[in-house]
Amino acid sequence: ALARLHGFDFEREVDLGAWPIPMAYRRLPVLSCSAWELEFPHDRHPLMHYLGPLVQSERKETNVSRQSMALWDDFLFKRCGQGQPDRPLLYCSLGTFWATDLDLLKRIVMVLARHPEWDLVLGLGSKVDPSQLNALPGNVLALDFAPQLAVLKQAQCMITHGGSTTLNECIHFGVPMLMYSTGHGDQNGNAARVVYHGLGLQGDRTQDDATAIENHLLRILSDARLQQRMTEMQARFRAYAADGTAVRIVEQLMSEPAGTQTEPG
């Protein structure tokens, strides 16, 4: 309606088949806050510009309460106090926007009960009360909101719904993923790209029982080739910021006269 009000030919100008957000303009430059290297092989559209992931690795996580930070700090202290600071740390967050799959969380907790040599941080995103998960084993920390960046700096694997922000942050910190997409927005496309590039595995949230989840995690934690691919992709992601890609592209486009963009042939 807004397009019609201003005489903008929406159907002619907009392509709904783009990723990660399904909208791009046919005759205007489009800036994607993603990395070209994460795409499937194809001829890049001449008006699509990849700025890179733009991860704010030192951003302040305003949703995280002082209590949650204290619990996280105590959790880290106990890991070090046990003389096992390098024991595998898993991180699970299934999003803060859509309803969380409580049954899936319970199956994940079951896996941690089988593996006392692992630790797990659960970020519940205000979607689940920890009491709904019943008694948690001692190697599981459940937080309303987890300090995601701090946890990813320590983690060896993340269980995620597959949103683009979390995907970019996992790659930035070199953390392989186990993807449980809800099917919303960009999640299926992200999961497919993670599997294609060997950066993690895709699970089935409705079919995977605790044993299937356990097998996925065992593979991720032991697969040297998967970790190598993640390290390679991490270097490509970080190169965008090191090279000043976003600034260079924006300055280049701003220097071009308005109206000079034409629809590719």
Protein backbone atom coordinates (compact mmCIF):
# COMPACT_ATOMS: atom_id res chain seq x y z
CA ALA A 1 0.00 0.00 0.00
CA LEU A 2 2.86 2.36 0.79
CA ALA A 3 4.45 1.57 -2.57
CA ARG A 4 1.22 2.35 -4.41
CA LEU A 5 0.81 5.61 -2.48
CA HIS A 6 4.19 6.80 -3.74
CA GLY A 7 3.89 5.43 -7.27
CA PHE A 8 6.47 2.67 -6.68
CA ASP A 9 5.93 -0.35 -8.97
CA PHE A 10 6.48 -3.01 -6.31
CA GLU A 11 5.92 -6.06 -8.50
CA ARG A 12 8.32 -4.80 -11.15
CA GLU A 13 11.03 -3.64 -8.77
CA VAL A 14 11.09 -6.32 -6.09
CA ASP A 15 12.39 -9.88 -6.28
CA LEU A 16 10.98 -12.10 -3.51
CA GLY A 17 13.43 -14.96 -4.12
CA ALA A 18 16.52 -13.58 -2.40
CA TRP A 19 18.22 -14.83 0.77
CA PRO A 20 18.57 -14.35 3.72
CA ILE A 21 15.66 -11.90 3.72
CA PRO A 22 13.27 -12.76 0.84
CA MET A 23 13.19 -9.30 -0.72
CA ALA A 24 15.59 -7.57 -3.06
CA TYR A 25 15.29 -4.78 -5.58
CA ARG A 26 15.76 -5.48 -9.27
CA ARG A 27 17.25 -2.09 -10.23
CA LEU A 28 18.60 -0.75 -6.93
CA PRO A 29 21.75 -1.88 -5.10
CA VAL A 30 21.01 -4.27 -2.25
CA LEU A 31 23.37 -4.50 0.73
CA SER A 32 23.38 -7.90 2.45
CA CYS A 33 24.70 -8.24 6.01
CA SER A 34 25.92 -11.70 5.16
CA ALA A 35 28.93 -13.23 3.49
CA TRP A 36 29.16 -14.29 -0.15
CA GLU A 37 31.18 -17.32 0.94
CA LEU A 38 28.14 -18.70 2.79
CA GLU A 39 26.03 -18.78 -0.38
CA PHE A 40 25.40 -21.74 -2.65
CA PRO A 41 27.42 -21.63 -5.88
CA HIS A 42 25.76 -19.34 -8.41
CA ASP A 43 26.46 -16.26 -10.51
CA ARG A 44 26.30 -13.31 -8.17
CA HIS A 45 23.62 -10.74 -9.04
CA PRO A 46 25.45 -7.55 -10.09
CA LEU A 47 23.34 -5.38 -7.74
CA MET A 48 23.79 -7.62 -4.68
CA HIS A 49 26.62 -6.47 -2.42
CA TYR A 50 27.77 -8.55 0.55
CA LEU A 51 28.96 -6.38 3.45
CA GLY A 52 29.92 -9.33 5.61
CA PRO A 53 28.35 -10.45 8.90
CA LEU A 54 28.91 -7.13 10.78
CA VAL A 55 29.21 -8.94 14.13
CA GLN A 56 29.57 -6.58 17.09
CA SER A 57 31.77 -8.93 19.09
CA GLU A 58 31.97 -6.57 22.06
CA ARG A 59 28.36 -5.38 22.09
CA LYS A 60 26.57 -4.97 25.41
CA GLU A 61 23.91 -7.64 25.84
CA THR A 62 21.18 -5.57 27.44
CA ASN A 63 18.73 -8.46 27.93
CA VAL A 64 21.10 -10.30 30.25
CA SER A 65 20.37 -9.56 33.90
CA ARG A 66 22.99 -9.14 36.60
CA GLN A 67 21.75 -12.36 38.13
CA SER A 68 22.28 -14.28 34.88
CA MET A 69 25.78 -12.82 34.50
CA ALA A 70 26.60 -13.82 38.09
CA LEU A 71 25.36 -17.36 37.47
CA TRP A 72 27.44 -17.55 34.26
CA ASP A 73 30.55 -16.26 36.02
CA ASP A 74 30.04 -18.81 38.83
CA PHE A 75 29.56 -21.56 36.23
CA LEU A 76 32.89 -20.65 34.61
CA PHE A 77 34.61 -20.48 37.98
CA LYS A 78 33.41 -23.98 38.86
CA ARG A 79 34.68 -25.34 35.52
CA CYS A 80 38.11 -23.92 36.25
CA GLY A 81 37.97 -24.98 39.89
CA GLN A 82 37.38 -28.57 38.83
CA GLY A 83 40.61 -28.43 36.88
CA GLN A 84 38.71 -29.00 33.63
CA PRO A 85 38.39 -25.62 31.92
CA ASP A 86 38.72 -27.30 28.52
CA ARG A 87 35.91 -29.83 28.97
CA PRO A 88 33.37 -29.51 26.12
CA LEU A 89 30.96 -26.62 26.57
CA LEU A 90 27.73 -26.73 24.59
CA TYR A 91 25.41 -23.77 24.15
CA CYS A 92 21.73 -24.03 23.28
CA SER A 93 19.41 -21.18 22.38
CA LEU A 94 16.34 -21.76 20.25
CA GLY A 95 15.47 -18.13 19.73
CA THR A 96 13.83 -15.24 21.56
CA PHE A 97 11.00 -14.43 19.12
CA TRP A 98 9.13 -17.65 18.34
CA ALA A 99 7.85 -20.04 21.00
CA THR A 100 10.54 -22.43 22.23
CA ASP A 101 10.13 -26.18 21.77
CA LEU A 102 9.99 -27.33 25.40
CA ASP A 103 10.01 -31.02 24.49
CA LEU A 104 13.18 -30.59 22.42
CA LEU A 105 14.87 -28.82 25.34
CA LYS A 106 13.99 -31.72 27.62
CA ARG A 107 15.55 -34.20 25.17
CA ILE A 108 18.71 -32.09 25.02
CA VAL A 109 18.90 -32.06 28.82
CA MET A 110 18.55 -35.85 28.79
CA VAL A 111 21.69 -36.04 26.64
CA LEU A 112 23.64 -33.96 29.15
CA ALA A 113 22.56 -36.27 31.95
CA ARG A 114 24.23 -39.09 29.98
CA HIS A 115 27.43 -37.05 29.54
CA PRO A 116 28.61 -35.59 32.85
CA GLU A 117 31.92 -34.80 31.10
CA TRP A 118 30.14 -32.09 29.06
CA ASP A 119 28.67 -28.76 30.19
CA LEU A 120 25.62 -27.02 28.71
CA VAL A 121 24.36 -23.45 28.90
CA LEU A 122 20.69 -23.05 28.02
CA GLY A 123 19.47 -19.62 26.92
CA LEU A 124 15.70 -19.77 27.34
CA GLY A 125 14.91 -16.35 25.87
CA SER A 126 12.01 -15.73 28.30
CA LYS A 127 10.06 -18.45 26.50
CA VAL A 128 10.42 -21.18 29.13
CA ASP A 129 10.61 -21.12 32.92
CA PRO A 130 13.53 -23.27 34.12
CA SER A 131 11.13 -25.08 36.47
CA GLN A 132 9.40 -26.55 33.39
CA LEU A 133 12.57 -28.53 32.66
CA ASN A 134 12.29 -30.39 35.97
CA ALA A 135 15.49 -31.18 37.90
CA LEU A 136 18.53 -30.20 35.84
CA PRO A 137 21.79 -32.14 36.09
CA GLY A 138 24.68 -30.26 37.66
CA ASN A 139 26.40 -29.76 34.30
CA VAL A 140 23.47 -27.71 32.89
CA LEU A 141 23.03 -23.98 33.49
CA ALA A 142 19.62 -22.60 32.47
CA LEU A 143 19.35 -18.81 32.07
CA ASP A 144 16.46 -16.59 31.07
CA PHE A 145 18.82 -14.78 28.69
CA ALA A 146 22.36 -16.08 28.25
CA PRO A 147 25.32 -13.77 27.51
CA GLN A 148 25.61 -15.24 24.04
CA LEU A 149 28.88 -13.68 22.96
CA ALA A 150 30.64 -14.62 26.21
CA VAL A 151 29.35 -18.19 25.95
CA LEU A 152 30.30 -18.56 22.29
CA LYS A 153 33.86 -17.50 23.09
CA GLN A 154 34.07 -20.64 25.26
CA ALA A 155 31.81 -23.09 23.40
CA GLN A 156 32.68 -26.06 21.19
CA CYS A 157 29.18 -26.44 19.72
CA MET A 158 25.90 -24.53 19.58
CA ILE A 159 22.41 -25.99 19.26
CA THR A 160 20.39 -23.31 17.48
CA HIS A 161 17.19 -22.59 15.58
CA GLY A 162 19.34 -21.04 12.85
CA GLY A 163 18.59 -17.32 12.81
CA SER A 164 21.04 -15.21 10.80
CA THR A 165 22.41 -13.23 13.74
CA THR A 166 23.25 -16.35 15.72
CA LEU A 167 24.61 -18.06 12.60
CA ASN A 168 26.99 -15.16 11.93
CA GLU A 169 28.12 -15.03 15.55
CA CYS A 170 28.80 -18.78 15.65
CA ILE A 171 31.00 -18.54 12.55
CA HIS A 172 32.72 -15.40 13.89
CA PHE A 173 33.77 -17.36 16.98
CA GLY A 174 34.40 -20.63 15.10
CA VAL A 175 31.64 -22.64 16.78
CA PRO A 176 30.10 -25.55 14.79
CA MET A 177 26.33 -25.82 14.90
CA LEU A 178 23.55 -28.34 15.33
CA MET A 179 20.60 -26.73 13.57
CA TYR A 180 16.97 -27.26 14.61
CA SER A 181 15.06 -24.91 12.33
CA THR A 182 11.49 -23.94 13.15
CA GLY A 183 10.91 -23.19 9.46
CA HIS A 184 10.40 -19.49 10.06
CA GLY A 185 12.01 -16.79 7.91
CA ASP A 186 15.58 -17.52 6.91
CA GLN A 187 16.10 -20.55 9.16
CA ASN A 188 15.69 -23.35 6.61
CA GLY A 189 17.97 -21.55 4.17
CA ASN A 190 20.58 -21.00 6.87
CA ALA A 191 20.48 -24.64 7.94
CA ALA A 192 20.90 -25.81 4.35
CA ARG A 193 23.97 -23.58 3.91
CA VAL A 194 25.52 -24.75 7.17
CA VAL A 195 25.22 -28.37 6.03
CA TYR A 196 26.39 -27.61 2.48
CA HIS A 197 29.56 -25.86 3.68
CA GLY A 198 30.27 -28.47 6.36
CA LEU A 199 29.88 -26.08 9.29
CA GLY A 200 27.54 -28.29 11.28
CA LEU A 201 24.61 -30.69 11.11
CA GLN A 202 20.87 -30.34 10.69
CA GLY A 203 18.58 -32.21 13.08
CA ASP A 204 14.86 -32.94 12.91
CA ARG A 205 13.14 -31.34 15.88
CA THR A 206 10.09 -33.59 15.60
CA GLN A 207 11.87 -36.90 14.95
CA ASP A 208 15.19 -36.75 16.84
CA ASP A 209 15.04 -38.49 20.20
CA ALA A 210 17.74 -38.04 22.84
CA THR A 211 19.92 -40.72 21.22
CA ALA A 212 19.78 -39.01 17.81
CA ILE A 213 20.68 -35.67 19.38
CA GLU A 214 23.52 -37.36 21.28
CA ASN A 215 24.89 -38.87 18.06
CA HIS A 216 24.79 -35.49 16.31
CA LEU A 217 26.72 -33.88 19.15
CA LEU A 218 29.27 -36.68 19.34
CA ARG A 219 29.97 -36.28 15.63
CA ILE A 220 30.32 -32.50 15.84
CA LEU A 221 32.69 -32.70 18.81
CA SER A 222 34.90 -35.34 17.16
CA ASP A 223 34.87 -34.37 13.46
CA ALA A 224 38.20 -32.69 12.72
CA ARG A 225 37.20 -31.96 9.11
CA LEU A 226 34.09 -30.10 10.25
CA GLN A 227 36.15 -27.99 12.62
CA GLN A 228 38.65 -27.28 9.85
CA ARG A 229 35.90 -26.03 7.54
CA MET A 230 34.54 -23.86 10.32
CA THR A 231 38.00 -22.37 10.93
CA GLU A 232 38.34 -21.61 7.22
CA MET A 233 34.92 -19.93 7.09
CA GLN A 234 35.70 -18.00 10.27
CA ALA A 235 38.78 -16.51 8.58
CA ARG A 236 36.70 -15.48 5.54
CA PHE A 237 34.06 -13.87 7.76
CA ARG A 238 36.58 -11.90 9.79
CA ALA A 239 38.31 -10.70 6.62
CA TYR A 240 35.29 -8.52 5.79
CA ALA A 241 35.89 -6.34 8.84
CA ALA A 242 39.66 -6.41 8.47
CA ASP A 243 39.38 -5.22 4.86
CA GLY A 244 36.79 -2.53 5.63
CA THR A 245 34.44 -4.09 3.06
CA ALA A 246 31.24 -2.45 4.32
CA VAL A 247 32.71 1.07 4.37
CA ARG A 248 34.28 0.66 0.94
CA ILE A 249 31.06 -0.56 -0.69
CA VAL A 250 28.86 2.11 0.89
CA GLU A 251 31.27 4.89 -0.08
CA GLN A 252 31.46 3.54 -3.62
CA LEU A 253 27.67 3.46 -4.00
CA MET A 254 27.23 6.90 -2.44
CA SER A 255 29.65 8.34 -4.98
CA GLU A 256 27.53 7.18 -7.92
CA PRO A 257 24.95 9.64 -9.30
CA ALA A 258 21.34 8.87 -8.39
CA GLY A 259 19.35 7.10 -11.08
CA THR A 260 22.35 5.51 -12.77
CA GLN A 261 21.38 1.95 -11.76
CA THR A 262 19.69 -0.04 -14.47
CA GLU A 263 18.14 -3.45 -14.50
CA PRO A 264 20.72 -6.08 -15.59
CA GLY A 265 20.07 -7.67 -18.96
